[in-house]
Amino acid sequence: MMVHMHAPAIDPKAAWREAYEAAQPDPGGKVVTIELEARETDWEYAPGRFVRAWGYNGQVPGPVIQANVGDVLELRLTNHLPEATTIHWHGLRVPAAMDGTEMVQHPVAPGETFTYRFRLPDAGTFWYHPHSNETVQMERGLYGALIVRGAGEPALDAERVLVLDDLKLDRKGRIAKFGGLIQRHDGREGDTRLVNGKAEPELEVAAGQIERWRIVNASSARYVRLSIGGKPFRILGSDGGLLEAPVTVTEVLLAPADRVDIAVGPFAEGEALPVEALKYLRTTIRKRNTERFATVKVGAARPSVAMVPERLRTIAPVAPEGATPNRTVKLGVRMSLRRGVDFVINKETHHRDAPVKVGEPQVWDVVNETLMDHPFHLHGFFFQVLSINGQAPAWRSWEDVVNVPPKSTVRIAWVADDRPGSWMYHCHILEHHAAGMMAHFDVVR
């Protein structure tokens, strides 16, 4: 269970009311109204194999929420779980009062409801999940994808939303309880690999066509070095939407909570291609080899009308090359007699960081002082990666998660727009977050 060290700095009800009333759709936009229930359910993760789980609207993952830029999402959460919960809108630039953490709202108690309402300013692939007791609630199935569409996006032959996860089961086939030094150190990884809540499904693709795959890594701790049978594919977008131009690769690394949009195909009729997580050594106690998530089965040919433009959009740099950092965030670990190991930021668990002023450019060095990878996640704002160990990234993009390799420094740049309130950043390996590798800060005018 995550421990929060600081109470909300302002009245959550007053902040919620202000944000709720301010959320109005753009001209031509609409209000997308959703009813979402968090409740126990029987989850059939493989044919004839069920596990007692927690889901949104009785399914795992929860329903894919879809809207357009400029729409307002109004979602009423009803909690039928035996414990309190919230919803964090991962990657969305929402008002602080709608961010779904216990810093900004009172958790929704069993039997109660809470309404989130906010405008959707950005196109991209996002997701939603609890920010209460995450190591339990997310592992039991509480997560879902959220797609926001913008004007002028690439037109492909088909689109899929693929939410990746894994499931750790005990000897009786139930979701295993969290425990032990290995899980606390490595994070929780299961041996049942899931795509959209199903174990190693087959994905039927028409020969000759090009599809857009919107991929979310919803795993607690698993890194996915994604490969599709070694075939090339084109990266169209990442956490914060489209890149400036497509990038052709044969693999891409998805840290926990990362997203990627890719153009897949065309393939030849009769091909069968594994969708795999290639071997990736993140210096954990338990090592993993290449593992399959799904299989692409290529069927009969269909004509293609897909158009992937050479230029997708322009992303202006936030800070110049060589910008001097104005903050250092140090990710660390220390031994604990009571817990075995603590994960810390700037030498303390649940760190309280200095405020950030609206409109003031931020250049942060995120320094990993440990011997294992950590995915750094910033709530509520996108950043640009300026460098990794002094080397510029292969492309400019907007991100809310970046992997920080062992003994490495990632320099990021971002600017807080006018959404004051309490925010946080943390490692998105859920067990590391719960063990203290997270920080609170305020955005102030």
Protein backbone atom coordinates (compact mmCIF):
# COMPACT_ATOMS: atom_id res chain seq x y z
CA MET A 1 0.00 0.00 0.00
CA MET A 2 1.41 3.38 -0.98
CA VAL A 3 2.07 5.81 1.88
CA HIS A 4 1.45 9.50 1.25
CA MET A 5 3.39 11.85 3.45
CA HIS A 6 1.53 15.09 2.79
CA ALA A 7 -2.13 16.07 2.94
CA PRO A 8 -3.69 18.11 0.12
CA ALA A 9 -2.52 21.74 0.31
CA ILE A 10 -5.91 23.12 -0.79
CA ASP A 11 -9.53 22.11 -0.33
CA PRO A 12 -10.04 19.24 -2.82
CA LYS A 13 -13.79 19.89 -3.14
CA ALA A 14 -13.31 23.56 -3.97
CA ALA A 15 -10.56 22.78 -6.49
CA TRP A 16 -12.72 20.05 -8.05
CA ARG A 17 -15.70 22.38 -8.40
CA GLU A 18 -13.59 25.07 -10.08
CA ALA A 19 -12.07 22.57 -12.53
CA TYR A 20 -15.42 20.90 -13.22
CA GLU A 21 -17.17 24.17 -14.08
CA ALA A 22 -14.23 25.42 -16.19
CA ALA A 23 -14.19 22.35 -18.47
CA GLN A 24 -16.02 23.34 -21.64
CA PRO A 25 -15.63 21.82 -25.10
CA ASP A 26 -14.13 23.73 -28.01
CA PRO A 27 -16.51 25.04 -30.70
CA GLY A 28 -17.62 21.96 -32.60
CA GLY A 29 -16.56 19.70 -29.72
CA LYS A 30 -18.82 17.68 -27.48
CA VAL A 31 -19.09 16.26 -23.99
CA VAL A 32 -18.24 12.55 -23.95
CA THR A 33 -20.12 11.02 -21.02
CA ILE A 34 -18.94 7.73 -19.55
CA GLU A 35 -20.21 5.61 -16.65
CA LEU A 36 -17.45 3.46 -15.18
CA GLU A 37 -17.85 0.92 -12.38
CA ALA A 38 -14.90 -0.59 -10.56
CA ARG A 39 -16.00 -4.03 -9.33
CA GLU A 40 -15.01 -7.65 -8.92
CA THR A 41 -15.35 -9.81 -11.99
CA ASP A 42 -14.45 -13.23 -13.37
CA TRP A 43 -11.71 -12.58 -15.90
CA GLU A 44 -11.30 -15.19 -18.65
CA TYR A 45 -7.66 -14.55 -19.58
CA ALA A 46 -7.40 -17.76 -21.66
CA PRO A 47 -10.06 -20.10 -23.09
CA GLY A 48 -11.76 -21.79 -20.12
CA ARG A 49 -9.31 -20.24 -17.61
CA PHE A 50 -10.75 -17.70 -15.21
CA VAL A 51 -9.35 -15.69 -12.36
CA ARG A 52 -11.18 -13.53 -9.84
CA ALA A 53 -10.18 -10.00 -10.71
CA TRP A 54 -11.10 -6.34 -10.41
CA GLY A 55 -12.21 -4.63 -13.61
CA TYR A 56 -13.89 -1.56 -15.00
CA ASN A 57 -17.42 -2.36 -16.19
CA GLY A 58 -16.73 -6.05 -15.64
CA GLN A 59 -13.88 -6.33 -18.13
CA VAL A 60 -10.07 -6.37 -18.25
CA PRO A 61 -8.78 -4.09 -19.61
CA GLY A 62 -11.51 -1.53 -19.07
CA PRO A 63 -13.38 -0.10 -22.05
CA VAL A 64 -11.37 1.89 -24.60
CA ILE A 65 -12.45 5.50 -24.15
CA GLN A 66 -12.39 7.48 -27.41
CA ALA A 67 -12.80 11.20 -28.03
CA ASN A 68 -11.47 14.06 -30.15
CA VAL A 69 -9.21 16.97 -29.33
CA GLY A 70 -11.34 19.74 -27.86
CA ASP A 71 -13.97 17.41 -26.45
CA VAL A 72 -14.71 17.29 -22.74
CA LEU A 73 -14.59 13.93 -21.00
CA GLU A 74 -17.08 13.60 -18.16
CA LEU A 75 -16.70 10.28 -16.41
CA ARG A 76 -18.53 9.13 -13.32
CA LEU A 77 -16.68 6.48 -11.37
CA THR A 78 -18.71 4.24 -9.07
CA ASN A 79 -16.66 2.16 -6.67
CA HIS A 80 -17.99 -1.32 -5.88
CA LEU A 81 -14.60 -2.59 -4.66
CA PRO A 82 -13.91 -3.49 -1.03
CA GLU A 83 -11.41 -0.61 -0.75
CA ALA A 84 -11.07 3.02 -1.83
CA THR A 85 -9.79 3.89 -5.30
CA THR A 86 -9.12 6.76 -7.70
CA ILE A 87 -8.42 7.15 -11.44
CA HIS A 88 -5.23 8.74 -12.73
CA TRP A 89 -5.40 9.92 -16.35
CA HIS A 90 -1.95 8.90 -17.45
CA GLY A 91 -0.41 11.35 -19.92
CA LEU A 92 -3.37 13.72 -20.08
CA ARG A 93 -2.81 17.40 -19.36
CA VAL A 94 -5.69 17.71 -16.92
CA PRO A 95 -6.25 20.22 -14.10
CA ALA A 96 -4.49 19.18 -10.90
CA ALA A 97 -7.84 18.52 -9.19
CA MET A 98 -8.62 15.85 -11.81
CA ASP A 99 -5.24 14.06 -11.74
CA GLY A 100 -6.60 11.26 -9.55
CA THR A 101 -3.95 11.11 -6.85
CA GLU A 102 -4.58 11.21 -3.13
CA MET A 103 -2.77 14.54 -3.05
CA VAL A 104 -5.59 16.25 -4.94
CA GLN A 105 -8.74 14.26 -4.18
CA HIS A 106 -10.17 12.16 -1.41
CA PRO A 107 -10.16 8.52 -2.56
CA VAL A 108 -13.55 7.20 -3.65
CA ALA A 109 -14.76 4.97 -0.83
CA PRO A 110 -16.67 1.72 -1.43
CA GLY A 111 -20.20 2.49 -2.56
CA GLU A 112 -19.40 6.10 -3.47
CA THR A 113 -19.10 7.93 -6.79
CA PHE A 114 -16.81 10.64 -8.13
CA THR A 115 -17.06 12.58 -11.37
CA TYR A 116 -14.01 13.56 -13.39
CA ARG A 117 -14.53 16.29 -15.98
CA PHE A 118 -11.84 17.90 -18.13
CA ARG A 119 -11.12 19.10 -21.65
CA LEU A 120 -8.90 16.99 -23.91
CA PRO A 121 -6.21 19.26 -25.40
CA ASP A 122 -3.91 16.72 -27.07
CA ALA A 123 -4.16 13.89 -29.58
CA GLY A 124 -2.48 10.65 -28.60
CA THR A 125 -2.60 7.25 -26.98
CA PHE A 126 -3.16 7.53 -23.24
CA TRP A 127 -4.46 5.28 -20.49
CA TYR A 128 -6.19 5.32 -17.14
CA HIS A 129 -5.54 3.41 -13.92
CA PRO A 130 -5.85 3.77 -10.14
CA HIS A 131 -3.47 5.84 -8.08
CA SER A 132 -4.49 4.12 -4.83
CA ASN A 133 -2.87 0.86 -3.73
CA GLU A 134 -1.61 0.48 -7.29
CA THR A 135 0.42 -2.68 -6.73
CA VAL A 136 -2.80 -4.51 -5.91
CA GLN A 137 -5.47 -2.69 -7.92
CA MET A 138 -3.63 -2.56 -11.23
CA GLU A 139 -2.37 -6.14 -10.94
CA ARG A 140 -5.98 -7.27 -10.44
CA GLY A 141 -7.01 -5.65 -13.71
CA LEU A 142 -7.89 -1.99 -13.19
CA TYR A 143 -6.55 -0.22 -16.26
CA GLY A 144 -7.74 0.81 -19.73
CA ALA A 145 -6.75 2.76 -22.85
CA LEU A 146 -7.90 6.24 -23.79
CA ILE A 147 -7.57 7.45 -27.38
CA VAL A 148 -7.79 11.12 -28.34
CA ARG A 149 -7.90 11.81 -32.08
CA GLY A 150 -6.73 14.97 -33.79
CA ALA A 151 -7.16 16.50 -37.22
CA GLY A 152 -4.85 15.49 -40.05
CA GLU A 153 -3.61 12.21 -38.60
CA PRO A 154 -2.21 9.47 -40.88
CA ALA A 155 -4.90 7.43 -42.63
CA LEU A 156 -4.10 3.71 -42.49
CA ASP A 157 -6.09 0.63 -43.46
CA ALA A 158 -7.04 -0.37 -39.91
CA GLU A 159 -6.30 0.48 -36.29
CA ARG A 160 -5.77 -1.64 -33.18
CA VAL A 161 -5.37 -0.74 -29.53
CA LEU A 162 -3.07 -3.27 -27.85
CA VAL A 163 -2.69 -3.10 -24.08
CA LEU A 164 0.22 -5.25 -22.88
CA ASP A 165 0.38 -6.68 -19.37
CA ASP A 166 1.45 -9.79 -17.51
CA LEU A 167 -0.18 -11.82 -14.78
CA LYS A 168 1.45 -13.50 -11.81
CA LEU A 169 -0.57 -16.49 -10.62
CA ASP A 170 -0.12 -18.69 -7.57
CA ARG A 171 -0.21 -22.51 -7.56
CA LYS A 172 -4.01 -22.50 -7.34
CA GLY A 173 -4.38 -20.27 -10.39
CA ARG A 174 -5.31 -17.16 -8.42
CA ILE A 175 -3.66 -13.77 -8.72
CA ALA A 176 -0.63 -14.12 -6.49
CA LYS A 177 -0.24 -11.97 -3.43
CA PHE A 178 2.60 -9.48 -3.48
CA GLY A 179 5.56 -10.34 -1.32
CA GLY A 180 9.22 -11.18 -1.01
CA LEU A 181 12.49 -9.37 -1.56
CA ILE A 182 12.74 -10.31 -5.24
CA GLN A 183 9.42 -8.65 -6.10
CA ARG A 184 10.21 -5.65 -3.94
CA HIS A 185 13.57 -5.26 -5.69
CA ASP A 186 12.64 -6.19 -9.28
CA GLY A 187 8.99 -5.24 -9.34
CA ARG A 188 6.23 -7.71 -10.04
CA GLU A 189 6.51 -9.70 -13.28
CA GLY A 190 4.20 -12.53 -14.22
CA ASP A 191 4.69 -15.50 -16.53
CA THR A 192 1.31 -15.13 -18.28
CA ARG A 193 1.74 -12.49 -20.97
CA LEU A 194 -1.39 -10.63 -22.02
CA VAL A 195 -2.63 -8.55 -24.92
CA ASN A 196 -5.96 -6.86 -24.21
CA GLY A 197 -6.46 -9.17 -21.25
CA LYS A 198 -5.91 -12.40 -23.23
CA ALA A 199 -2.91 -14.72 -23.00
CA GLU A 200 -0.89 -14.82 -26.23
CA PRO A 201 -3.75 -14.20 -28.67
CA GLU A 202 -3.66 -14.45 -32.44
CA LEU A 203 -3.98 -11.18 -34.35
CA GLU A 204 -5.43 -11.57 -37.83
CA VAL A 205 -4.03 -9.09 -40.36
CA ALA A 206 -4.91 -8.85 -44.05
CA ALA A 207 -2.00 -9.30 -46.44
CA GLY A 208 -0.94 -6.12 -48.20
CA GLN A 209 -2.48 -3.77 -45.64
CA ILE A 210 -0.83 -1.34 -43.22
CA GLU A 211 -2.32 -0.99 -39.74
CA ARG A 212 -1.85 1.54 -36.98
CA TRP A 213 -1.15 -0.14 -33.68
CA ARG A 214 -1.58 1.95 -30.53
CA ILE A 215 0.36 0.06 -27.87
CA VAL A 216 0.25 0.64 -24.11
CA ASN A 217 2.59 -1.15 -21.69
CA ALA A 218 0.38 -1.49 -18.61
CA SER A 219 2.74 -3.92 -16.84
CA SER A 220 3.74 -3.35 -13.24
CA ALA A 221 7.44 -3.80 -13.96
CA ARG A 222 8.02 -5.62 -17.27
CA TYR A 223 10.08 -3.95 -19.98
CA VAL A 224 8.96 -4.86 -23.50
CA ARG A 225 11.64 -4.69 -26.19
CA LEU A 226 9.03 -5.04 -28.89
CA SER A 227 9.67 -7.02 -32.05
CA ILE A 228 7.26 -8.26 -34.72
CA GLY A 229 9.13 -11.23 -36.13
CA GLY A 230 12.12 -9.00 -36.79
CA LYS A 231 10.18 -7.18 -39.53
CA PRO A 232 10.62 -3.41 -39.91
CA PHE A 233 7.84 -1.12 -38.75
CA ARG A 234 7.49 2.66 -38.52
CA ILE A 235 7.15 4.58 -35.28
CA LEU A 236 4.49 7.25 -35.72
CA GLY A 237 4.12 8.54 -32.18
CA SER A 238 5.05 8.13 -28.55
CA ASP A 239 3.63 9.24 -25.18
CA GLY A 240 2.67 12.76 -26.24
CA GLY A 241 1.38 12.06 -29.73
CA LEU A 242 2.90 12.04 -33.20
CA LEU A 243 6.60 12.39 -33.89
CA GLU A 244 7.83 14.94 -36.40
CA ALA A 245 8.46 12.19 -38.96
CA PRO A 246 8.06 8.40 -39.07
CA VAL A 247 11.07 6.39 -37.91
CA THR A 248 11.70 2.91 -39.35
CA VAL A 249 12.98 0.34 -36.83
CA THR A 250 12.86 -3.39 -36.17
CA GLU A 251 12.37 -3.02 -32.41
CA VAL A 252 11.40 -0.44 -29.80
CA LEU A 253 11.75 -0.47 -26.02
CA LEU A 254 8.61 0.12 -23.98
CA ALA A 255 9.28 0.72 -20.31
CA PRO A 256 6.34 0.28 -17.91
CA ALA A 257 3.64 2.91 -18.67
CA ASP A 258 5.17 3.79 -22.07
CA ARG A 259 3.12 4.04 -25.24
CA VAL A 260 4.01 3.87 -28.90
CA ASP A 261 2.03 4.22 -32.12
CA ILE A 262 3.43 2.20 -35.01
CA ALA A 263 2.59 1.50 -38.66
CA VAL A 264 2.72 -2.27 -39.15
CA GLY A 265 2.86 -4.13 -42.47
CA PRO A 266 2.39 -4.88 -45.27
CA PHE A 267 2.89 -8.62 -44.79
CA ALA A 268 2.60 -11.54 -47.20
CA GLU A 269 -0.36 -13.91 -47.15
CA GLY A 270 0.27 -16.98 -44.98
CA GLU A 271 2.97 -15.42 -42.79
CA ALA A 272 2.91 -16.09 -39.05
CA LEU A 273 4.94 -13.60 -37.02
CA PRO A 274 5.62 -13.56 -33.28
CA VAL A 275 4.93 -10.36 -31.35
CA GLU A 276 7.70 -10.64 -28.81
CA ALA A 277 9.49 -8.97 -25.96
CA LEU A 278 13.12 -9.57 -26.86
CA LYS A 279 15.61 -10.33 -24.11
CA TYR A 280 16.36 -7.18 -22.14
CA LEU A 281 18.72 -7.09 -19.16
CA ARG A 282 17.63 -4.46 -16.67
CA THR A 283 19.89 -5.77 -13.90
CA THR A 284 17.22 -7.53 -11.88
CA ILE A 285 17.56 -10.59 -9.69
CA ARG A 286 15.35 -12.61 -12.03
CA LYS A 287 16.44 -12.66 -15.69
CA ARG A 288 14.12 -13.05 -18.68
CA ASN A 289 14.74 -14.30 -22.17
CA THR A 290 12.73 -13.52 -25.31
CA GLU A 291 9.02 -14.14 -24.64
CA ARG A 292 5.95 -14.11 -26.88
CA PHE A 293 2.96 -11.83 -26.32
CA ALA A 294 0.94 -12.66 -29.44
CA THR A 295 1.13 -14.08 -32.97
CA VAL A 296 0.28 -12.21 -36.17
CA LYS A 297 -1.56 -14.45 -38.64
CA VAL A 298 -1.61 -12.96 -42.14
CA GLY A 299 -4.75 -13.76 -44.10
CA ALA A 300 -5.98 -13.12 -47.61
CA ALA A 301 -4.87 -9.95 -49.35
CA ARG A 302 -6.95 -6.79 -49.36
CA PRO A 303 -6.24 -3.57 -51.23
CA SER A 304 -4.44 -0.87 -49.28
CA VAL A 305 -5.32 2.82 -49.16
CA ALA A 306 -2.84 3.62 -46.36
CA MET A 307 -0.91 6.88 -46.58
CA VAL A 308 1.94 7.53 -44.16
CA PRO A 309 3.25 11.05 -44.82
CA GLU A 310 6.94 11.82 -44.61
CA ARG A 311 6.19 14.68 -42.22
CA LEU A 312 3.75 14.29 -39.32
CA ARG A 313 4.04 17.57 -37.43
CA THR A 314 6.50 20.15 -36.11
CA ILE A 315 7.70 20.05 -32.50
CA ALA A 316 9.44 23.22 -31.37
CA PRO A 317 12.33 22.71 -28.94
CA VAL A 318 11.65 23.67 -25.33
CA ALA A 319 15.27 24.44 -24.50
CA PRO A 320 18.45 24.95 -26.54
CA GLU A 321 21.17 22.34 -26.80
CA GLY A 322 23.54 22.61 -23.87
CA ALA A 323 20.92 24.20 -21.60
CA THR A 324 22.00 24.30 -17.97
CA PRO A 325 19.85 22.17 -15.65
CA ASN A 326 18.01 23.98 -12.85
CA ARG A 327 17.11 20.82 -10.93
CA THR A 328 18.64 17.40 -10.28
CA VAL A 329 16.46 14.40 -9.46
CA LYS A 330 18.49 11.51 -8.08
CA LEU A 331 16.95 8.04 -8.16
CA GLY A 332 18.48 5.84 -5.48
CA VAL A 333 18.15 2.72 -3.35
CA ARG A 334 19.10 1.89 0.22
CA MET A 335 18.85 -1.11 2.47
CA SER A 336 16.12 -1.19 5.10
CA LEU A 337 16.10 -3.43 8.16
CA ARG A 338 12.30 -3.38 8.26
CA ARG A 339 11.49 -3.64 4.53
CA GLY A 340 14.66 -5.06 3.03
CA VAL A 341 15.05 -2.25 0.51
CA ASP A 342 13.77 1.29 0.04
CA PHE A 343 13.74 3.23 -3.21
CA VAL A 344 14.40 6.93 -2.79
CA ILE A 345 14.56 10.26 -4.60
CA ASN A 346 17.22 12.70 -3.46
CA LYS A 347 17.96 10.35 -0.56
CA GLU A 348 14.45 10.23 0.89
CA THR A 349 11.29 8.23 0.38
CA HIS A 350 8.23 10.19 -0.81
CA HIS A 351 10.38 13.24 -1.45
CA ARG A 352 8.92 16.74 -1.20
CA ASP A 353 10.46 18.80 -4.01
CA ALA A 354 10.60 22.55 -4.60
CA PRO A 355 7.77 24.34 -6.42
CA VAL A 356 7.76 24.99 -10.17
CA LYS A 357 6.60 28.36 -11.46
CA VAL A 358 4.10 28.58 -14.31
CA GLY A 359 5.84 29.52 -17.56
CA GLU A 360 9.38 29.10 -16.23
CA PRO A 361 11.43 26.66 -18.37
CA GLN A 362 12.50 23.56 -16.48
CA VAL A 363 15.66 21.65 -17.38
CA TRP A 364 16.10 18.65 -15.13
CA ASP A 365 18.84 16.08 -14.85
CA VAL A 366 17.28 12.77 -13.84
CA VAL A 367 20.19 10.77 -12.44
CA ASN A 368 19.93 7.03 -11.87
CA GLU A 369 22.36 6.17 -9.11
CA THR A 370 21.25 2.53 -8.97
CA LEU A 371 22.32 -0.54 -10.95
CA MET A 372 18.91 -1.14 -12.57
CA ASP A 373 16.62 0.68 -15.02
CA HIS A 374 13.88 3.00 -13.79
CA PRO A 375 11.05 4.51 -15.89
CA PHE A 376 10.65 8.14 -14.79
CA HIS A 377 7.06 9.45 -15.10
CA LEU A 378 5.99 13.09 -14.77
CA HIS A 379 2.32 13.71 -14.00
CA GLY A 380 0.28 16.21 -15.96
CA PHE A 381 2.94 17.60 -18.30
CA PHE A 382 4.94 16.52 -21.35
CA PHE A 383 8.69 16.89 -21.54
CA GLN A 384 11.34 16.60 -24.23
CA VAL A 385 14.42 14.43 -23.78
CA LEU A 386 17.48 16.59 -24.45
CA SER A 387 20.13 13.95 -23.90
CA ILE A 388 20.96 10.56 -22.42
CA ASN A 389 24.47 10.53 -20.97
CA GLY A 390 25.24 13.59 -23.06
CA GLN A 391 24.02 12.10 -26.34
CA ALA A 392 21.02 13.59 -28.12
CA PRO A 393 18.08 11.21 -28.76
CA ALA A 394 17.41 9.94 -32.28
CA TRP A 395 14.31 12.15 -32.63
CA ARG A 396 12.47 14.95 -30.85
CA SER A 397 9.19 14.01 -29.19
CA TRP A 398 6.85 14.74 -26.32
CA GLU A 399 7.04 12.23 -23.48
CA ASP A 400 5.69 11.65 -20.00
CA VAL A 401 7.78 8.50 -19.38
CA VAL A 402 11.48 8.04 -20.07
CA ASN A 403 13.64 5.08 -19.21
CA VAL A 404 16.71 5.99 -17.17
CA PRO A 405 19.37 3.27 -17.57
CA PRO A 406 21.64 2.25 -14.69
CA LYS A 407 24.27 4.80 -13.65
CA SER A 408 22.96 7.21 -16.29
CA THR A 409 21.73 10.78 -16.57
CA VAL A 410 18.74 11.77 -18.70
CA ARG A 411 18.28 15.50 -19.25
CA ILE A 412 14.69 16.63 -19.87
CA ALA A 413 13.09 19.99 -20.56
CA TRP A 414 9.52 21.14 -20.01
CA VAL A 415 7.39 24.16 -19.17
CA ALA A 416 4.44 24.17 -16.78
CA ASP A 417 1.40 25.76 -18.38
CA ASP A 418 -1.15 27.52 -16.19
CA ARG A 419 -2.47 24.57 -14.20
CA PRO A 420 -1.36 25.26 -10.63
CA GLY A 421 -1.70 22.66 -7.92
CA SER A 422 -0.05 19.59 -6.46
CA TRP A 423 1.67 17.17 -8.84
CA MET A 424 4.10 14.30 -8.62
CA TYR A 425 6.77 12.36 -10.45
CA HIS A 426 7.89 8.83 -9.75
CA CYS A 427 9.33 5.57 -10.98
CA HIS A 428 6.56 3.69 -12.81
CA ILE A 429 7.71 0.30 -11.62
CA LEU A 430 4.77 0.15 -9.24
CA GLU A 431 6.63 -1.60 -6.45
CA HIS A 432 9.44 1.00 -6.56
CA HIS A 433 6.88 3.80 -6.46
CA ALA A 434 5.17 2.21 -3.46
CA ALA A 435 8.55 1.69 -1.78
CA GLY A 436 9.30 5.41 -1.90
CA MET A 437 10.68 6.37 -5.33
CA MET A 438 8.25 9.24 -5.86
CA ALA A 439 8.09 12.96 -5.19
CA HIS A 440 5.49 15.70 -4.76
CA PHE A 441 5.86 19.25 -5.99
CA ASP A 442 3.57 22.23 -6.50
CA VAL A 443 3.06 24.28 -9.63
CA VAL A 444 2.54 27.91 -8.57
CA ARG A 445 1.75 31.17 -10.32
